[in-house]
Amino acid sequence: MIEIERKFLVISTAFIDEAFRENRIVQGYLSSIPERTVRIRIKGEKGFLTVKGKGNECGMSRLEWEMEIPLNEAELLLSICEKGVIDKIRYEIKKGNHVFEVDVFSGQNAGLIIAEIELNSEQESFEKPDWLGEEVTNDEKYYNAYLSKNPYKNWTK
C-alpha cells in the first residue's frame, strides 16, 4: 500500500510514438487536503476510488489505497467532488523494466505534460528516456489535487 513514485516534466511529444496504451482519465477530489486525498477517477470505462496519504520528506513515497468501483457510482461521486475536475490523456510507455505513465492534460491544465514512474524502492535506478525533463517529484504544484484548484493556465509564465 506504499506507492513509490517519481514525477518529471516532459520536454517533447516523442513519447506518443512509443506508447503501448492510452486512456482518457477524468478525476475529481472528495478531499484534496495533503494528509488524505480522496479521489474519484474514471479511466476509460472503469471507475476507481483512491485514498492517498501525505508524501514523505522527499515526496517519493506515500500510502495509497485504490479500489475499482462501478462506473455509474464513479460518475455519481464525481458530480459531488470539489470544484476543479482534472481531464487528461494517459499514455503508457515501457522503458527497460519500467512503465512510464505520461499525462497530457487538457481543459484548465492544457499545455502541461507530466511523466510518472512507479518504483520498488526510492533508490531504484531506471532508464531515462530523451523526452524526460526536469524532476518535479517533491513539487506539490504538480500534484493533481493542487492542479484541480490551481490550474496550469493560471500560473505565471
Protein backbone atom coordinates (compact mmCIF):
# COMPACT_ATOMS: atom_id res chain seq x y z
CA MET A 1 0.00 0.00 0.00
CA ILE A 2 3.01 2.31 -0.18
CA GLU A 3 3.40 4.00 -3.54
CA ILE A 4 6.93 5.00 -4.55
CA GLU A 5 6.73 7.36 -7.48
CA ARG A 6 8.84 9.97 -9.23
CA LYS A 7 7.46 12.76 -11.44
CA PHE A 8 9.07 14.60 -14.32
CA LEU A 9 8.13 17.31 -16.76
CA VAL A 10 8.11 16.15 -20.37
CA ILE A 11 10.03 18.18 -22.96
CA SER A 12 8.89 16.51 -26.20
CA THR A 13 5.91 14.58 -27.53
CA ALA A 14 8.16 11.83 -28.92
CA PHE A 15 6.74 9.50 -26.23
CA ILE A 16 3.45 9.23 -28.16
CA ASP A 17 5.04 7.01 -30.83
CA GLU A 18 6.40 4.73 -28.07
CA ALA A 19 3.09 4.30 -26.21
CA PHE A 20 1.51 0.85 -25.99
CA ARG A 21 -1.71 2.12 -24.36
CA GLU A 22 -3.65 5.33 -23.92
CA ASN A 23 -6.74 6.18 -21.87
CA ARG A 24 -8.72 9.28 -21.10
CA ILE A 25 -8.86 9.99 -17.37
CA VAL A 26 -11.33 12.30 -15.65
CA GLN A 27 -10.91 12.74 -11.92
CA GLY A 28 -12.08 14.85 -9.04
CA TYR A 29 -11.47 15.07 -5.31
CA LEU A 30 -13.85 14.46 -2.44
CA SER A 31 -10.97 15.65 -0.24
CA SER A 32 -7.84 17.38 -1.50
CA ILE A 33 -6.05 18.07 1.77
CA PRO A 34 -2.49 16.68 1.56
CA GLU A 35 -2.79 14.45 4.65
CA ARG A 36 -5.59 12.43 3.00
CA THR A 37 -6.66 12.99 -0.55
CA VAL A 38 -9.73 11.06 -1.66
CA ARG A 39 -10.01 10.83 -5.42
CA ILE A 40 -12.72 9.61 -7.78
CA ARG A 41 -11.41 8.60 -11.19
CA ILE A 42 -12.92 7.40 -14.42
CA LYS A 43 -10.28 5.74 -16.58
CA GLY A 44 -11.66 4.54 -19.87
CA GLU A 45 -14.84 2.67 -18.91
CA LYS A 46 -13.84 1.92 -15.30
CA GLY A 47 -14.34 3.80 -12.05
CA PHE A 48 -11.92 3.98 -9.13
CA LEU A 49 -11.89 5.31 -5.57
CA THR A 50 -8.41 6.16 -4.28
CA VAL A 51 -7.17 7.37 -0.89
CA LYS A 52 -3.64 8.77 -0.61
CA GLY A 53 -1.69 9.91 2.42
CA LYS A 54 0.82 12.75 2.62
CA GLY A 55 4.15 12.12 0.93
CA ASN A 56 7.37 11.61 2.86
CA GLU A 57 10.03 14.32 3.08
CA CYS A 58 11.42 13.75 -0.42
CA GLY A 59 7.91 13.33 -1.88
CA MET A 60 8.56 9.90 -3.38
CA SER A 61 6.66 7.60 -1.01
CA ARG A 62 3.16 7.73 0.40
CA LEU A 63 0.32 5.47 1.39
CA GLU A 64 -2.07 4.70 -1.47
CA TRP A 65 -5.22 2.57 -1.41
CA GLU A 66 -7.32 2.09 -4.53
CA MET A 67 -10.42 0.09 -5.36
CA GLU A 68 -12.34 -0.31 -8.60
CA ILE A 69 -15.96 0.79 -8.28
CA PRO A 70 -18.88 0.58 -10.74
CA LEU A 71 -18.72 3.25 -13.46
CA ASN A 72 -22.17 4.65 -12.61
CA GLU A 73 -21.12 5.10 -8.96
CA ALA A 74 -17.90 6.84 -10.04
CA GLU A 75 -19.94 9.21 -12.24
CA LEU A 76 -22.29 9.97 -9.36
CA LEU A 77 -19.44 10.58 -6.89
CA LEU A 78 -17.65 12.76 -9.46
CA SER A 79 -20.71 15.02 -9.50
CA ILE A 80 -20.21 15.89 -5.79
CA CYS A 81 -16.45 16.41 -5.90
CA GLU A 82 -14.72 19.65 -5.04
CA LYS A 83 -14.56 22.23 -7.81
CA GLY A 84 -11.89 21.59 -10.44
CA VAL A 85 -12.03 18.33 -12.36
CA ILE A 86 -8.83 17.02 -13.97
CA ASP A 87 -9.09 15.83 -17.58
CA LYS A 88 -6.12 14.18 -19.28
CA ILE A 89 -4.95 11.50 -21.69
CA ARG A 90 -2.57 8.99 -20.14
CA TYR A 91 -0.01 7.27 -22.33
CA GLU A 92 1.86 4.21 -21.08
CA ILE A 93 5.41 3.67 -22.34
CA LYS A 94 7.68 0.76 -21.49
CA LYS A 95 11.36 1.59 -20.91
CA GLY A 96 13.59 -1.21 -19.72
CA ASN A 97 11.86 -2.93 -16.79
CA HIS A 98 9.58 0.02 -16.05
CA VAL A 99 6.47 1.68 -17.41
CA PHE A 100 6.20 5.45 -17.59
CA GLU A 101 2.74 6.97 -17.38
CA VAL A 102 2.68 10.24 -19.28
CA ASP A 103 -0.28 12.55 -18.68
CA VAL A 104 -1.20 15.13 -21.31
CA PHE A 105 -3.57 17.50 -19.57
CA SER A 106 -6.45 19.31 -21.24
CA GLY A 107 -9.04 21.87 -20.16
CA GLN A 108 -7.77 24.24 -17.47
CA ASN A 109 -4.41 22.42 -17.39
CA ALA A 110 -3.80 22.28 -21.15
CA GLY A 111 -0.13 22.60 -22.06
CA LEU A 112 1.10 20.60 -19.08
CA ILE A 113 2.68 17.17 -19.66
CA ILE A 114 3.94 15.11 -16.70
CA ALA A 115 5.56 11.67 -16.65
CA GLU A 116 5.43 9.38 -13.62
CA ILE A 117 7.25 6.16 -12.87
CA GLU A 118 6.47 3.79 -10.01
CA LEU A 119 9.44 2.12 -8.35
CA ASN A 120 10.03 -0.68 -5.85
CA SER A 121 12.37 1.46 -3.75
CA GLU A 122 13.42 5.10 -3.58
CA GLN A 123 16.94 4.11 -4.62
CA GLU A 124 15.91 2.02 -7.65
CA SER A 125 17.55 3.10 -10.90
CA PHE A 126 15.71 3.29 -14.22
CA GLU A 127 16.31 4.16 -17.84
CA LYS A 128 15.54 7.84 -18.54
CA PRO A 129 14.07 8.48 -21.98
CA ASP A 130 15.19 11.50 -24.04
CA TRP A 131 11.79 13.17 -23.67
CA LEU A 132 12.08 13.30 -19.87
CA GLY A 133 12.78 16.77 -18.46
CA GLU A 134 13.16 18.29 -15.00
CA GLU A 135 12.20 16.17 -11.99
CA VAL A 136 9.27 17.63 -10.02
CA THR A 137 8.66 14.77 -7.57
CA ASN A 138 8.67 16.93 -4.45
CA ASP A 139 6.96 19.95 -6.01
CA GLU A 140 3.34 19.83 -4.82
CA LYS A 141 2.14 22.26 -7.50
CA TYR A 142 2.43 19.35 -9.96
CA TYR A 143 0.14 17.10 -7.90
CA ASN A 144 -3.28 16.57 -9.46
CA ALA A 145 -5.04 17.71 -6.27
CA TYR A 146 -3.18 21.05 -6.49
CA LEU A 147 -3.87 21.36 -10.23
CA SER A 148 -7.58 20.86 -9.63
CA LYS A 149 -7.65 24.08 -7.54
CA ASN A 150 -4.79 25.99 -9.16
CA PRO A 151 -4.93 25.15 -12.86
CA TYR A 152 -1.84 25.41 -15.03
CA LYS A 153 -3.49 28.07 -17.24
CA ASN A 154 -3.42 30.46 -14.26
CA TRP A 155 0.28 30.05 -13.49
CA THR A 156 2.52 32.99 -14.30
CA LYS A 157 4.57 32.04 -17.32
